[in-house]
Amino acid sequence: MKQQLAELFHRRYACHVFEPGRSIASQDLEFVLEAGRLSPSSFGLEHWKFIVVQSPELKQALQGACFQQAQVGGAAAVIVILAKLAELDPDSPYLRRLLEREYPDEQLAQALNNYRSFHAATDVRAWSVSQCHIAAANMMLAATAAGLDSCAIGGFLPDQVKAILQIDPAQYEVALILPIGYCAEKPHEKRRLPLTELVEYR
């Protein structure tokens, strides 16, 4: 299992040119989405919402909002990962429902108090977006396991993306845009710094 996982990490890379006209099987797309759904999140709040864009017209519009990065318009599907905002308010029904699940019975009151303090001291928008990146990483690895390719797009104009998809900015922030499909280019050798430059033991 460890070797299989290591091979997936080595095989995954950012695809910039997807095979035109090649669709994704529904079960493979659902597998990728399920990897996002099952991802860990702070307080167990599942900060994400996934919008799957398959319409050619919408994909082209999103490409324009992503500085014309061609992989957005050329992918078989584009998963727009939205970060929840309003639902993370300490007094929202959503927040209470999920905290009740994580902190049952007498634990709930203390958890709500702790969360209220945390929420007041935190950049909630940035926090929610960062949680969505956890789901995105799992989805990209799942795509690789399903024989698909992906490319994490962090360069986009959030207001344009929200306008194209009719997203309420009070409810959500755009966390990441994830085109997926079948790559039309040969993957290059993985280029990463060695652990000796990245890890410090203390």
C-alpha atoms as a PDB file:
ATOM      1  CA  MET A   1       0.000   0.000   0.000  1.00  0.00           C
ATOM      2  CA  LYS A   2       2.797   2.429   0.868  1.00  0.00           C
ATOM      3  CA  GLN A   3       4.506   1.755  -2.446  1.00  0.00           C
ATOM      4  CA  GLN A   4       1.274   2.262  -4.379  1.00  0.00           C
ATOM      5  CA  LEU A   5       0.667   5.571  -2.631  1.00  0.00           C
ATOM      6  CA  ALA A   6       4.232   6.699  -3.278  1.00  0.00           C
ATOM      7  CA  GLU A   7       3.800   5.891  -6.969  1.00  0.00           C
ATOM      8  CA  LEU A   8       0.666   8.057  -7.114  1.00  0.00           C
ATOM      9  CA  PHE A   9       2.523  10.967  -5.544  1.00  0.00           C
ATOM     10  CA  HIS A  10       5.302  10.605  -8.088  1.00  0.00           C
ATOM     11  CA  ARG A  11       2.915  10.247 -11.030  1.00  0.00           C
ATOM     12  CA  ARG A  12       0.659  13.221 -10.244  1.00  0.00           C
ATOM     13  CA  TYR A  13       1.630  16.474 -11.914  1.00  0.00           C
ATOM     14  CA  ALA A  14       0.041  19.653 -13.228  1.00  0.00           C
ATOM     15  CA  CYS A  15      -1.466  18.994 -16.652  1.00  0.00           C
ATOM     16  CA  HIS A  16      -1.642  22.043 -18.927  1.00  0.00           C
ATOM     17  CA  VAL A  17      -3.077  20.435 -22.074  1.00  0.00           C
ATOM     18  CA  PHE A  18      -6.011  18.048 -21.896  1.00  0.00           C
ATOM     19  CA  GLU A  19      -7.250  15.679 -24.593  1.00  0.00           C
ATOM     20  CA  PRO A  20     -10.081  17.494 -26.363  1.00  0.00           C
ATOM     21  CA  GLY A  21     -13.473  15.827 -26.448  1.00  0.00           C
ATOM     22  CA  ARG A  22     -12.613  13.011 -24.052  1.00  0.00           C
ATOM     23  CA  SER A  23     -15.143  12.832 -21.238  1.00  0.00           C
ATOM     24  CA  ILE A  24     -14.787  11.420 -17.747  1.00  0.00           C
ATOM     25  CA  ALA A  25     -16.799   8.395 -16.645  1.00  0.00           C
ATOM     26  CA  SER A  26     -19.368   9.397 -14.029  1.00  0.00           C
ATOM     27  CA  GLN A  27     -18.026   6.880 -11.519  1.00  0.00           C
ATOM     28  CA  ASP A  28     -14.508   8.308 -11.820  1.00  0.00           C
ATOM     29  CA  LEU A  29     -15.770  11.851 -11.351  1.00  0.00           C
ATOM     30  CA  GLU A  30     -17.745  10.766  -8.297  1.00  0.00           C
ATOM     31  CA  PHE A  31     -14.638   9.016  -6.933  1.00  0.00           C
ATOM     32  CA  VAL A  32     -12.745  12.312  -7.097  1.00  0.00           C
ATOM     33  CA  LEU A  33     -15.590  14.210  -5.443  1.00  0.00           C
ATOM     34  CA  GLU A  34     -15.871  11.562  -2.736  1.00  0.00           C
ATOM     35  CA  ALA A  35     -12.190  12.051  -1.908  1.00  0.00           C
ATOM     36  CA  GLY A  36     -12.973  15.707  -1.319  1.00  0.00           C
ATOM     37  CA  ARG A  37     -16.040  14.914   0.773  1.00  0.00           C
ATOM     38  CA  LEU A  38     -14.094  12.559   3.041  1.00  0.00           C
ATOM     39  CA  SER A  39     -11.248  15.009   3.661  1.00  0.00           C
ATOM     40  CA  PRO A  40     -10.418  16.192   7.178  1.00  0.00           C
ATOM     41  CA  SER A  41     -11.410  19.684   8.280  1.00  0.00           C
ATOM     42  CA  SER A  42     -10.925  21.913  11.306  1.00  0.00           C
ATOM     43  CA  PHE A  43     -13.669  21.357  13.895  1.00  0.00           C
ATOM     44  CA  GLY A  44     -15.107  18.819  11.420  1.00  0.00           C
ATOM     45  CA  LEU A  45     -16.925  21.676   9.645  1.00  0.00           C
ATOM     46  CA  GLU A  46     -16.466  20.454   6.062  1.00  0.00           C
ATOM     47  CA  HIS A  47     -15.754  23.954   4.765  1.00  0.00           C
ATOM     48  CA  TRP A  48     -16.221  23.078   1.091  1.00  0.00           C
ATOM     49  CA  LYS A  49     -18.828  23.055  -1.624  1.00  0.00           C
ATOM     50  CA  PHE A  50     -18.033  21.642  -5.067  1.00  0.00           C
ATOM     51  CA  ILE A  51     -19.420  22.974  -8.330  1.00  0.00           C
ATOM     52  CA  VAL A  52     -18.726  20.678 -11.293  1.00  0.00           C
ATOM     53  CA  VAL A  53     -18.630  22.626 -14.537  1.00  0.00           C
ATOM     54  CA  GLN A  54     -18.955  20.592 -17.740  1.00  0.00           C
ATOM     55  CA  SER A  55     -20.704  23.084 -20.012  1.00  0.00           C
ATOM     56  CA  PRO A  56     -18.283  24.223 -22.761  1.00  0.00           C
ATOM     57  CA  GLU A  57     -19.655  27.758 -22.540  1.00  0.00           C
ATOM     58  CA  LEU A  58     -19.142  27.985 -18.794  1.00  0.00           C
ATOM     59  CA  LYS A  59     -15.666  26.473 -19.030  1.00  0.00           C
ATOM     60  CA  GLN A  60     -14.679  29.094 -21.595  1.00  0.00           C
ATOM     61  CA  ALA A  61     -16.082  31.842 -19.394  1.00  0.00           C
ATOM     62  CA  LEU A  62     -14.111  30.482 -16.431  1.00  0.00           C
ATOM     63  CA  GLN A  63     -10.974  30.374 -18.568  1.00  0.00           C
ATOM     64  CA  GLY A  64     -11.369  34.107 -19.124  1.00  0.00           C
ATOM     65  CA  ALA A  65     -11.607  34.607 -15.357  1.00  0.00           C
ATOM     66  CA  CYS A  66      -8.436  32.509 -14.924  1.00  0.00           C
ATOM     67  CA  PHE A  67      -6.180  34.740 -17.026  1.00  0.00           C
ATOM     68  CA  GLN A  68      -6.882  32.610 -20.116  1.00  0.00           C
ATOM     69  CA  GLN A  69      -5.196  29.488 -18.745  1.00  0.00           C
ATOM     70  CA  ALA A  70      -6.100  27.024 -21.486  1.00  0.00           C
ATOM     71  CA  GLN A  71      -6.375  23.987 -19.214  1.00  0.00           C
ATOM     72  CA  VAL A  72      -9.552  25.474 -17.715  1.00  0.00           C
ATOM     73  CA  GLY A  73     -11.405  25.602 -21.017  1.00  0.00           C
ATOM     74  CA  GLY A  74      -9.858  22.374 -22.309  1.00  0.00           C
ATOM     75  CA  ALA A  75     -10.523  20.074 -19.344  1.00  0.00           C
ATOM     76  CA  ALA A  76     -13.312  17.518 -19.432  1.00  0.00           C
ATOM     77  CA  ALA A  77     -14.622  18.943 -16.158  1.00  0.00           C
ATOM     78  CA  VAL A  78     -13.707  21.847 -13.928  1.00  0.00           C
ATOM     79  CA  ILE A  79     -14.357  21.532 -10.215  1.00  0.00           C
ATOM     80  CA  VAL A  80     -14.735  24.922  -8.571  1.00  0.00           C
ATOM     81  CA  ILE A  81     -14.109  24.534  -4.854  1.00  0.00           C
ATOM     82  CA  LEU A  82     -15.998  27.063  -2.769  1.00  0.00           C
ATOM     83  CA  ALA A  83     -15.133  27.906   0.827  1.00  0.00           C
ATOM     84  CA  LYS A  84     -18.074  28.387   3.174  1.00  0.00           C
ATOM     85  CA  LEU A  85     -18.348  31.738   4.945  1.00  0.00           C
ATOM     86  CA  ALA A  86     -21.791  32.531   6.374  1.00  0.00           C
ATOM     87  CA  GLU A  87     -22.366  28.972   7.551  1.00  0.00           C
ATOM     88  CA  LEU A  88     -19.274  29.248   9.746  1.00  0.00           C
ATOM     89  CA  ASP A  89     -20.871  31.975  11.858  1.00  0.00           C
ATOM     90  CA  PRO A  90     -21.083  30.815  15.493  1.00  0.00           C
ATOM     91  CA  ASP A  91     -24.857  31.307  15.493  1.00  0.00           C
ATOM     92  CA  SER A  92     -25.608  29.555  12.194  1.00  0.00           C
ATOM     93  CA  PRO A  93     -27.760  26.395  12.209  1.00  0.00           C
ATOM     94  CA  TYR A  94     -25.127  24.692  10.038  1.00  0.00           C
ATOM     95  CA  LEU A  95     -22.393  25.354  12.581  1.00  0.00           C
ATOM     96  CA  ARG A  96     -24.459  24.025  15.460  1.00  0.00           C
ATOM     97  CA  ARG A  97     -25.543  20.931  13.528  1.00  0.00           C
ATOM     98  CA  LEU A  98     -21.972  19.932  12.712  1.00  0.00           C
ATOM     99  CA  LEU A  99     -20.594  20.738  16.152  1.00  0.00           C
ATOM    100  CA  GLU A 100     -23.338  18.608  17.700  1.00  0.00           C
ATOM    101  CA  ARG A 101     -22.079  15.758  15.566  1.00  0.00           C
ATOM    102  CA  GLU A 102     -18.471  16.225  16.712  1.00  0.00           C
ATOM    103  CA  TYR A 103     -19.119  17.241  20.333  1.00  0.00           C
ATOM    104  CA  PRO A 104     -22.159  15.369  21.699  1.00  0.00           C
ATOM    105  CA  ASP A 105     -24.149  16.019  24.858  1.00  0.00           C
ATOM    106  CA  GLU A 106     -22.388  18.033  27.569  1.00  0.00           C
ATOM    107  CA  GLN A 107     -19.332  18.663  25.352  1.00  0.00           C
ATOM    108  CA  LEU A 108     -21.316  20.928  23.031  1.00  0.00           C
ATOM    109  CA  ALA A 109     -21.573  24.030  25.222  1.00  0.00           C
ATOM    110  CA  GLN A 110     -17.816  24.202  25.761  1.00  0.00           C
ATOM    111  CA  ALA A 111     -17.156  23.518  22.084  1.00  0.00           C
ATOM    112  CA  LEU A 112     -19.477  26.377  21.088  1.00  0.00           C
ATOM    113  CA  ASN A 113     -17.737  28.741  23.500  1.00  0.00           C
ATOM    114  CA  ASN A 114     -14.311  27.717  22.218  1.00  0.00           C
ATOM    115  CA  TYR A 115     -15.426  28.112  18.635  1.00  0.00           C
ATOM    116  CA  ARG A 116     -16.928  31.546  19.274  1.00  0.00           C
ATOM    117  CA  SER A 117     -13.606  32.756  20.669  1.00  0.00           C
ATOM    118  CA  PHE A 118     -11.706  31.207  17.778  1.00  0.00           C
ATOM    119  CA  HIS A 119     -14.056  32.724  15.189  1.00  0.00           C
ATOM    120  CA  ALA A 120     -13.680  36.210  16.664  1.00  0.00           C
ATOM    121  CA  ALA A 121      -9.874  36.005  16.546  1.00  0.00           C
ATOM    122  CA  THR A 122      -9.529  34.398  13.103  1.00  0.00           C
ATOM    123  CA  ASP A 123      -9.487  35.554   9.500  1.00  0.00           C
ATOM    124  CA  VAL A 124     -12.393  33.251   8.720  1.00  0.00           C
ATOM    125  CA  ARG A 125     -12.200  33.712   4.948  1.00  0.00           C
ATOM    126  CA  ALA A 126      -8.527  32.728   4.797  1.00  0.00           C
ATOM    127  CA  TRP A 127      -9.081  29.868   7.244  1.00  0.00           C
ATOM    128  CA  SER A 128     -11.972  28.429   5.250  1.00  0.00           C
ATOM    129  CA  VAL A 129     -10.041  28.670   1.981  1.00  0.00           C
ATOM    130  CA  SER A 130      -7.050  26.897   3.527  1.00  0.00           C
ATOM    131  CA  GLN A 131      -9.289  24.051   4.695  1.00  0.00           C
ATOM    132  CA  CYS A 132     -10.577  23.625   1.149  1.00  0.00           C
ATOM    133  CA  HIS A 133      -7.009  23.169  -0.061  1.00  0.00           C
ATOM    134  CA  ILE A 134      -6.847  19.984   2.024  1.00  0.00           C
ATOM    135  CA  ALA A 135      -9.800  18.604   0.068  1.00  0.00           C
ATOM    136  CA  ALA A 136      -8.226  19.750  -3.207  1.00  0.00           C
ATOM    137  CA  ALA A 137      -5.007  17.835  -2.513  1.00  0.00           C
ATOM    138  CA  ASN A 138      -6.946  14.647  -1.823  1.00  0.00           C
ATOM    139  CA  MET A 139      -9.030  15.129  -4.958  1.00  0.00           C
ATOM    140  CA  MET A 140      -5.940  15.525  -7.132  1.00  0.00           C
ATOM    141  CA  LEU A 141      -4.446  12.332  -5.734  1.00  0.00           C
ATOM    142  CA  ALA A 142      -7.750  10.529  -6.238  1.00  0.00           C
ATOM    143  CA  ALA A 143      -7.836  11.753  -9.835  1.00  0.00           C
ATOM    144  CA  THR A 144      -4.396  10.246 -10.382  1.00  0.00           C
ATOM    145  CA  ALA A 145      -5.557   6.943  -8.872  1.00  0.00           C
ATOM    146  CA  ALA A 146      -8.495   6.946 -11.314  1.00  0.00           C
ATOM    147  CA  GLY A 147      -6.168   7.445 -14.293  1.00  0.00           C
ATOM    148  CA  LEU A 148      -7.064  11.122 -14.629  1.00  0.00           C
ATOM    149  CA  ASP A 149      -4.955  14.238 -14.635  1.00  0.00           C
ATOM    150  CA  SER A 150      -5.514  17.564 -12.938  1.00  0.00           C
ATOM    151  CA  CYS A 151      -4.126  21.048 -12.449  1.00  0.00           C
ATOM    152  CA  ALA A 152      -4.675  23.226  -9.393  1.00  0.00           C
ATOM    153  CA  ILE A 153      -5.543  26.746 -10.526  1.00  0.00           C
ATOM    154  CA  GLY A 154      -4.920  29.428  -7.916  1.00  0.00           C
ATOM    155  CA  GLY A 155      -4.656  32.269 -10.412  1.00  0.00           C
ATOM    156  CA  PHE A 156      -8.165  33.584 -10.993  1.00  0.00           C
ATOM    157  CA  LEU A 157     -10.326  36.654 -10.456  1.00  0.00           C
ATOM    158  CA  PRO A 158     -12.685  35.642  -7.642  1.00  0.00           C
ATOM    159  CA  ASP A 159     -15.342  38.240  -8.366  1.00  0.00           C
ATOM    160  CA  GLN A 160     -15.539  37.179 -12.004  1.00  0.00           C
ATOM    161  CA  VAL A 161     -15.774  33.492 -11.077  1.00  0.00           C
ATOM    162  CA  LYS A 162     -18.564  34.235  -8.613  1.00  0.00           C
ATOM    163  CA  ALA A 163     -20.416  36.302 -11.219  1.00  0.00           C
ATOM    164  CA  ILE A 164     -20.132  33.569 -13.871  1.00  0.00           C
ATOM    165  CA  LEU A 165     -21.440  30.888 -11.504  1.00  0.00           C
ATOM    166  CA  GLN A 166     -23.887  33.201  -9.716  1.00  0.00           C
ATOM    167  CA  ILE A 167     -22.283  32.628  -6.328  1.00  0.00           C
ATOM    168  CA  ASP A 168     -23.422  34.738  -3.381  1.00  0.00           C
ATOM    169  CA  PRO A 169     -20.201  36.368  -2.059  1.00  0.00           C
ATOM    170  CA  ALA A 170     -21.662  36.518   1.437  1.00  0.00           C
ATOM    171  CA  GLN A 171     -22.031  32.745   1.421  1.00  0.00           C
ATOM    172  CA  TYR A 172     -18.851  31.552  -0.292  1.00  0.00           C
ATOM    173  CA  GLU A 173     -15.345  32.447  -1.364  1.00  0.00           C
ATOM    174  CA  VAL A 174     -13.635  30.764  -4.304  1.00  0.00           C
ATOM    175  CA  ALA A 175     -10.892  28.579  -2.846  1.00  0.00           C
ATOM    176  CA  LEU A 176      -9.439  26.802  -5.885  1.00  0.00           C
ATOM    177  CA  ILE A 177     -10.292  25.796  -9.432  1.00  0.00           C
ATOM    178  CA  LEU A 178      -9.478  22.223 -10.380  1.00  0.00           C
ATOM    179  CA  PRO A 179      -9.596  21.195 -14.065  1.00  0.00           C
ATOM    180  CA  ILE A 180      -9.513  17.436 -14.560  1.00  0.00           C
ATOM    181  CA  GLY A 181      -9.424  15.168 -17.585  1.00  0.00           C
ATOM    182  CA  TYR A 182      -6.926  13.174 -19.626  1.00  0.00           C
ATOM    183  CA  CYS A 183      -3.624  14.823 -20.322  1.00  0.00           C
ATOM    184  CA  ALA A 184      -2.559  15.245 -23.931  1.00  0.00           C
ATOM    185  CA  GLU A 185       1.088  15.877 -23.092  1.00  0.00           C
ATOM    186  CA  LYS A 186       3.743  13.517 -21.820  1.00  0.00           C
ATOM    187  CA  PRO A 187       4.400  14.030 -18.108  1.00  0.00           C
ATOM    188  CA  HIS A 188       7.842  15.265 -17.238  1.00  0.00           C
ATOM    189  CA  GLU A 189      10.050  13.849 -14.528  1.00  0.00           C
ATOM    190  CA  LYS A 190       9.010  14.966 -11.047  1.00  0.00           C
ATOM    191  CA  ARG A 191      11.100  17.962  -9.996  1.00  0.00           C
ATOM    192  CA  ARG A 192      11.209  18.611  -6.266  1.00  0.00           C
ATOM    193  CA  LEU A 193      13.776  19.771  -3.740  1.00  0.00           C
ATOM    194  CA  PRO A 194      15.275  16.950  -1.651  1.00  0.00           C
ATOM    195  CA  LEU A 195      14.131  16.343   1.906  1.00  0.00           C
ATOM    196  CA  THR A 196      17.565  17.455   3.152  1.00  0.00           C
ATOM    197  CA  GLU A 197      16.714  21.013   2.064  1.00  0.00           C
ATOM    198  CA  LEU A 198      13.184  20.956   3.424  1.00  0.00           C
ATOM    199  CA  VAL A 199      13.237  19.101   6.740  1.00  0.00           C
ATOM    200  CA  GLU A 200      14.736  20.153  10.041  1.00  0.00           C
ATOM    201  CA  TYR A 201      14.621  17.785  13.007  1.00  0.00           C
ATOM    202  CA  ARG A 202      14.700  19.226  16.502  1.00  0.00           C
END
